[in-house]
Amino acid sequence: MTLDCSLIAVRLGFRPARKGMLVSATLAPENRSRLGAISTATLTTVLYKRGLRNTFMQNVGRVNAAAPNMVGEAYTLRYIPAREDIDHMGVYEDWEHPQRKAVESVPEGHVLVIDSRGDARAASAGDILINRIMKRGAAGIVTDGGFRDSGELSTLGFPVYHQKPSAPTGPIHHHAADLNLPIGCGGVAVYPGDIVVGDAEGVVVIPAGIANEVAEEAHAQTLYEDFVLEKVSEGRSIFGIYPPGDEAKAEFARWLEARGSAD
């Protein structure tokens, strides 16, 4: 696909956020692939240009720095504070327990996102459950709390994001309340089906209804930023190219032509 420079100019400009009800959309395969190569920094900028400011989870980082980037639809699990007369080790014998059910029902290609209220005093999950969702084809797992078995998880070739390690078992502080409903994680609203993207910097949440448009715009912005970085590395000033003036836009069009493809 050859990219017209005029399209870049539009996509580098401001676009307001859509108003109204949530819109569901299927993420196109090519955009899923693109999101895996686009930084969360670029994605948050594109979302900000659409009026969305609060999309990057706070205090959530990747456990294994060598793990691949993460892209998938959100499948959500919510914890509330535990209560001693209800939460004990015996709860895990119930096959309908929301945490256990989440592990065995998260769809292939989805990210299990756990609302732990930012509380890492007890583990949100451990290596057995995380290995299970990996084997079932999940795209990753995120919590704003902590995971146990972090030593093992630090070598797992699977996207795992949390606040910090946590050894104590979950029911000490967490009660698994419900599954696949809107939650908050890392201070960000997450609705089932939202697109969750993770890289070395952290995790961003893209509303499902605009995910394809955001992916396309961010792909275009990434190409332009690659061009800028190349020029800056050659000793060029940022003035006139970042943001782009007319001359830089024309030069970028020639740069794209020389590459032969936007993909």
Protein backbone atom coordinates (compact mmCIF):
# COMPACT_ATOMS: atom_id res chain seq x y z
CA MET A 1 0.00 0.00 0.00
CA THR A 2 1.50 3.35 -1.11
CA LEU A 3 0.83 6.21 1.28
CA ASP A 4 -0.09 9.67 -0.07
CA CYS A 5 1.66 12.48 1.83
CA SER A 6 -1.60 14.46 1.93
CA LEU A 7 -3.07 11.64 4.01
CA ILE A 8 -0.20 12.04 6.47
CA ALA A 9 -0.95 15.75 6.81
CA VAL A 10 -4.55 15.00 7.72
CA ARG A 11 -3.62 12.26 10.13
CA LEU A 12 -1.04 14.38 11.91
CA GLY A 13 -3.73 17.00 12.59
CA PHE A 14 -6.25 17.31 15.41
CA ARG A 15 -9.40 15.20 15.42
CA PRO A 16 -12.05 15.48 18.13
CA ALA A 17 -13.24 12.47 20.05
CA ARG A 18 -16.51 10.91 18.99
CA LYS A 19 -19.48 11.60 21.20
CA GLY A 20 -22.29 9.29 22.18
CA MET A 21 -22.55 5.64 23.00
CA LEU A 22 -19.79 3.08 22.81
CA VAL A 23 -19.30 1.58 19.37
CA SER A 24 -18.09 -1.98 18.84
CA ALA A 25 -15.96 -2.85 15.82
CA THR A 26 -13.88 -5.77 14.63
CA LEU A 27 -10.16 -5.06 14.48
CA ALA A 28 -8.94 -5.73 10.94
CA PRO A 29 -6.09 -8.29 10.74
CA GLU A 30 -3.73 -5.77 9.11
CA ASN A 31 -4.41 -3.27 11.90
CA ARG A 32 -3.84 -5.90 14.59
CA SER A 33 -0.45 -6.52 13.00
CA ARG A 34 0.28 -2.80 12.77
CA LEU A 35 -0.55 -2.20 16.43
CA GLY A 36 2.02 -4.80 17.42
CA ALA A 37 4.71 -2.60 15.87
CA ILE A 38 3.44 0.84 16.97
CA SER A 39 4.68 2.32 20.24
CA THR A 40 2.32 3.16 23.07
CA ALA A 41 3.86 6.64 22.92
CA THR A 42 2.56 7.15 19.39
CA LEU A 43 -0.81 5.60 20.22
CA THR A 44 -1.37 7.88 23.20
CA THR A 45 -0.56 10.88 21.02
CA VAL A 46 -3.05 9.81 18.35
CA LEU A 47 -5.69 9.24 21.02
CA TYR A 48 -4.96 12.65 22.56
CA LYS A 49 -5.53 14.30 19.17
CA ARG A 50 -8.97 12.70 19.28
CA GLY A 51 -9.65 14.18 22.71
CA LEU A 52 -8.83 11.05 24.76
CA ARG A 53 -6.38 11.95 27.53
CA ASN A 54 -6.59 9.08 30.00
CA THR A 55 -5.62 5.96 28.06
CA PHE A 56 -2.23 4.88 29.48
CA MET A 57 -2.27 2.69 32.58
CA GLN A 58 -0.32 4.05 35.53
CA ASN A 59 2.21 1.97 37.50
CA VAL A 60 1.87 -1.04 35.21
CA GLY A 61 4.97 -2.53 33.59
CA ARG A 62 6.09 -5.59 31.66
CA VAL A 63 7.46 -8.42 33.80
CA ASN A 64 9.71 -9.90 31.09
CA ALA A 65 11.51 -7.19 29.14
CA ALA A 66 12.15 -9.68 26.33
CA ALA A 67 8.49 -10.69 25.93
CA PRO A 68 6.74 -9.68 22.69
CA ASN A 69 4.46 -6.70 22.42
CA MET A 70 0.80 -7.29 23.25
CA VAL A 71 -2.32 -6.62 21.17
CA GLY A 72 -5.76 -8.01 21.91
CA GLU A 73 -9.34 -7.37 22.88
CA ALA A 74 -9.98 -6.82 26.59
CA TYR A 75 -11.55 -9.63 28.61
CA THR A 76 -12.08 -8.23 32.08
CA LEU A 77 -12.05 -9.54 35.65
CA ARG A 78 -12.87 -7.37 38.68
CA TYR A 79 -11.64 -7.82 42.23
CA ILE A 80 -13.12 -6.09 45.26
CA PRO A 81 -11.62 -6.14 48.78
CA ALA A 82 -11.68 -9.55 50.43
CA ARG A 83 -13.77 -10.36 53.51
CA GLU A 84 -12.55 -13.01 55.91
CA ASP A 85 -15.81 -14.95 56.28
CA ILE A 86 -16.13 -15.35 52.50
CA ASP A 87 -12.62 -15.45 51.04
CA HIS A 88 -10.49 -18.50 51.84
CA MET A 89 -8.57 -21.17 49.91
CA GLY A 90 -11.72 -23.26 49.51
CA VAL A 91 -13.24 -20.77 47.06
CA TYR A 92 -11.04 -22.17 44.30
CA GLU A 93 -12.90 -25.50 44.43
CA ASP A 94 -15.88 -23.77 42.79
CA TRP A 95 -15.58 -24.05 39.00
CA GLU A 96 -17.74 -20.92 38.72
CA HIS A 97 -15.24 -18.84 40.72
CA PRO A 98 -14.76 -15.74 38.48
CA GLN A 99 -10.95 -15.94 38.50
CA ARG A 100 -10.89 -19.63 37.57
CA LYS A 101 -13.68 -19.11 35.05
CA ALA A 102 -11.76 -16.22 33.47
CA VAL A 103 -8.71 -18.42 32.95
CA GLU A 104 -10.79 -21.11 31.25
CA SER A 105 -12.97 -18.77 29.18
CA VAL A 106 -10.74 -15.92 27.98
CA PRO A 107 -11.07 -16.08 24.17
CA GLU A 108 -8.11 -16.68 21.91
CA GLY A 109 -6.36 -13.44 20.98
CA HIS A 110 -7.81 -11.54 23.96
CA VAL A 111 -6.01 -9.89 26.88
CA LEU A 112 -7.16 -10.75 30.40
CA VAL A 113 -7.32 -7.40 32.22
CA ILE A 114 -7.70 -7.57 36.00
CA ASP A 115 -8.95 -4.71 38.13
CA SER A 116 -7.08 -5.18 41.41
CA ARG A 117 -7.80 -1.63 42.63
CA GLY A 118 -4.08 -0.89 42.45
CA ASP A 119 -3.57 -3.20 45.45
CA ALA A 120 -0.50 -5.42 45.19
CA ARG A 121 -0.59 -6.72 48.77
CA ALA A 122 -1.86 -10.08 47.47
CA ALA A 123 -1.36 -11.75 44.11
CA SER A 124 -3.88 -11.33 41.32
CA ALA A 125 -2.64 -14.58 39.72
CA GLY A 126 0.48 -16.71 39.44
CA ASP A 127 2.52 -18.70 36.95
CA ILE A 128 0.14 -21.70 36.71
CA LEU A 129 -2.88 -19.61 35.73
CA ILE A 130 -0.82 -17.41 33.42
CA ASN A 131 0.71 -20.42 31.69
CA ARG A 132 -2.80 -21.78 31.25
CA ILE A 133 -4.12 -18.68 29.47
CA MET A 134 -0.98 -18.62 27.33
CA LYS A 135 -1.60 -22.22 26.26
CA ARG A 136 -5.23 -21.36 25.53
CA GLY A 137 -4.11 -18.69 23.05
CA ALA A 138 -4.64 -15.47 25.03
CA ALA A 139 -2.67 -12.44 23.86
CA GLY A 140 -1.52 -11.36 27.33
CA ILE A 141 -2.51 -10.50 30.89
CA VAL A 142 -2.55 -7.20 32.79
CA THR A 143 -3.26 -6.18 36.38
CA ASP A 144 -2.75 -3.00 38.35
CA GLY A 145 -1.97 -5.23 41.31
CA GLY A 146 0.80 -7.84 41.48
CA PHE A 147 1.52 -11.36 40.26
CA ARG A 148 3.26 -14.07 42.25
CA ASP A 149 5.98 -16.37 40.86
CA SER A 150 7.53 -13.30 39.25
CA GLY A 151 10.89 -15.03 38.84
CA GLU A 152 9.32 -17.62 36.57
CA LEU A 153 7.22 -15.00 34.79
CA SER A 154 10.32 -12.91 34.10
CA THR A 155 11.53 -15.59 31.67
CA LEU A 156 8.15 -16.44 30.14
CA GLY A 157 7.85 -15.49 26.48
CA PHE A 158 4.37 -14.08 27.00
CA PRO A 159 3.19 -10.51 27.66
CA VAL A 160 2.58 -10.12 31.42
CA TYR A 161 2.07 -6.67 32.96
CA HIS A 162 1.66 -5.77 36.63
CA GLN A 163 2.51 -3.17 39.25
CA LYS A 164 5.05 -5.19 41.24
CA PRO A 165 5.65 -8.75 42.50
CA SER A 166 3.30 -10.07 45.18
CA ALA A 167 3.80 -13.41 46.94
CA PRO A 168 0.70 -13.66 49.21
CA THR A 169 -2.23 -15.67 47.87
CA GLY A 170 -5.09 -13.70 46.35
CA PRO A 171 -7.97 -14.27 48.82
CA ILE A 172 -6.03 -12.49 51.57
CA HIS A 173 -6.94 -9.17 49.96
CA HIS A 174 -8.97 -9.87 46.80
CA HIS A 175 -12.48 -11.16 46.17
CA ALA A 176 -13.15 -12.03 42.51
CA ALA A 177 -16.50 -10.34 41.94
CA ASP A 178 -17.45 -10.47 38.28
CA LEU A 179 -16.31 -11.19 34.77
CA ASN A 180 -16.30 -9.28 31.48
CA LEU A 181 -17.90 -6.06 32.67
CA PRO A 182 -16.45 -2.51 32.52
CA ILE A 183 -13.57 -2.06 34.96
CA GLY A 184 -10.79 0.34 35.88
CA CYS A 185 -7.16 -0.79 35.60
CA GLY A 186 -4.20 1.47 36.28
CA GLY A 187 -6.58 4.42 36.44
CA VAL A 188 -7.99 3.77 32.95
CA ALA A 189 -11.51 2.70 32.01
CA VAL A 190 -11.51 -0.66 30.25
CA TYR A 191 -14.63 -1.97 28.50
CA PRO A 192 -14.85 -5.56 27.24
CA GLY A 193 -13.68 -5.60 23.65
CA ASP A 194 -11.50 -2.49 23.91
CA ILE A 195 -8.13 -2.99 22.24
CA VAL A 196 -5.29 -3.34 24.73
CA VAL A 197 -1.75 -2.69 23.47
CA GLY A 198 1.40 -3.21 25.50
CA ASP A 199 5.09 -2.53 24.82
CA ALA A 200 8.21 -1.87 26.85
CA GLU A 201 6.78 1.39 28.22
CA GLY A 202 3.44 0.03 29.39
CA VAL A 203 -0.18 -0.49 28.38
CA VAL A 204 -2.62 1.69 26.44
CA VAL A 205 -6.35 1.11 25.97
CA ILE A 206 -8.01 2.00 22.66
CA PRO A 207 -11.81 2.25 22.50
CA ALA A 208 -13.04 -0.56 20.25
CA GLY A 209 -15.15 1.69 18.04
CA ILE A 210 -12.18 3.73 16.81
CA ALA A 211 -9.43 1.10 16.99
CA ASN A 212 -9.10 0.61 13.22
CA GLU A 213 -8.92 4.35 12.58
CA VAL A 214 -6.40 4.82 15.38
CA ALA A 215 -4.24 1.97 14.06
CA GLU A 216 -4.19 3.47 10.57
CA GLU A 217 -3.43 6.98 11.80
CA ALA A 218 -0.73 5.74 14.19
CA HIS A 219 0.83 3.69 11.40
CA ALA A 220 1.00 6.81 9.26
CA GLN A 221 2.47 8.82 12.14
CA THR A 222 5.05 6.11 12.83
CA LEU A 223 6.23 6.28 9.21
CA TYR A 224 6.62 10.04 9.46
CA GLU A 225 8.47 9.73 12.79
CA ASP A 226 10.83 7.19 11.20
CA PHE A 227 11.56 9.76 8.52
CA VAL A 228 12.16 12.50 11.13
CA LEU A 229 14.44 10.28 13.21
CA GLU A 230 16.49 9.45 10.14
CA LYS A 231 16.90 13.14 9.33
CA VAL A 232 17.71 14.13 12.93
CA SER A 233 20.31 11.33 13.05
CA GLU A 234 21.89 12.95 10.00
CA GLY A 235 22.21 16.23 11.95
CA ARG A 236 19.03 17.96 10.77
CA SER A 237 17.21 20.49 12.98
CA ILE A 238 13.73 19.59 14.17
CA PHE A 239 12.42 22.98 13.01
CA GLY A 240 10.34 22.62 9.89
CA ILE A 241 10.08 18.85 10.10
CA TYR A 242 8.69 18.18 13.59
CA PRO A 243 5.90 19.20 13.15
CA PRO A 244 6.14 19.17 9.36
CA GLY A 245 6.16 22.25 7.16
CA ASP A 246 5.25 22.16 3.47
CA GLU A 247 8.81 21.41 2.38
CA ALA A 248 9.10 18.53 4.85
CA LYS A 249 5.81 17.07 3.63
CA ALA A 250 7.06 17.09 0.05
CA GLU A 251 10.39 15.61 1.12
CA PHE A 252 8.57 12.93 3.10
CA ALA A 253 6.50 12.03 0.02
CA ARG A 254 9.73 11.50 -1.93
CA TRP A 255 11.15 9.48 0.96
CA LEU A 256 8.09 7.23 0.89
CA GLU A 257 8.35 6.79 -2.88
CA ALA A 258 11.98 5.75 -2.50
CA ARG A 259 10.92 3.13 0.03
CA GLY A 260 8.31 1.90 -2.42
CA SER A 261 5.68 0.97 0.16
CA ALA A 262 4.10 2.22 3.37
CA ASP A 263 4.12 -1.29 4.80
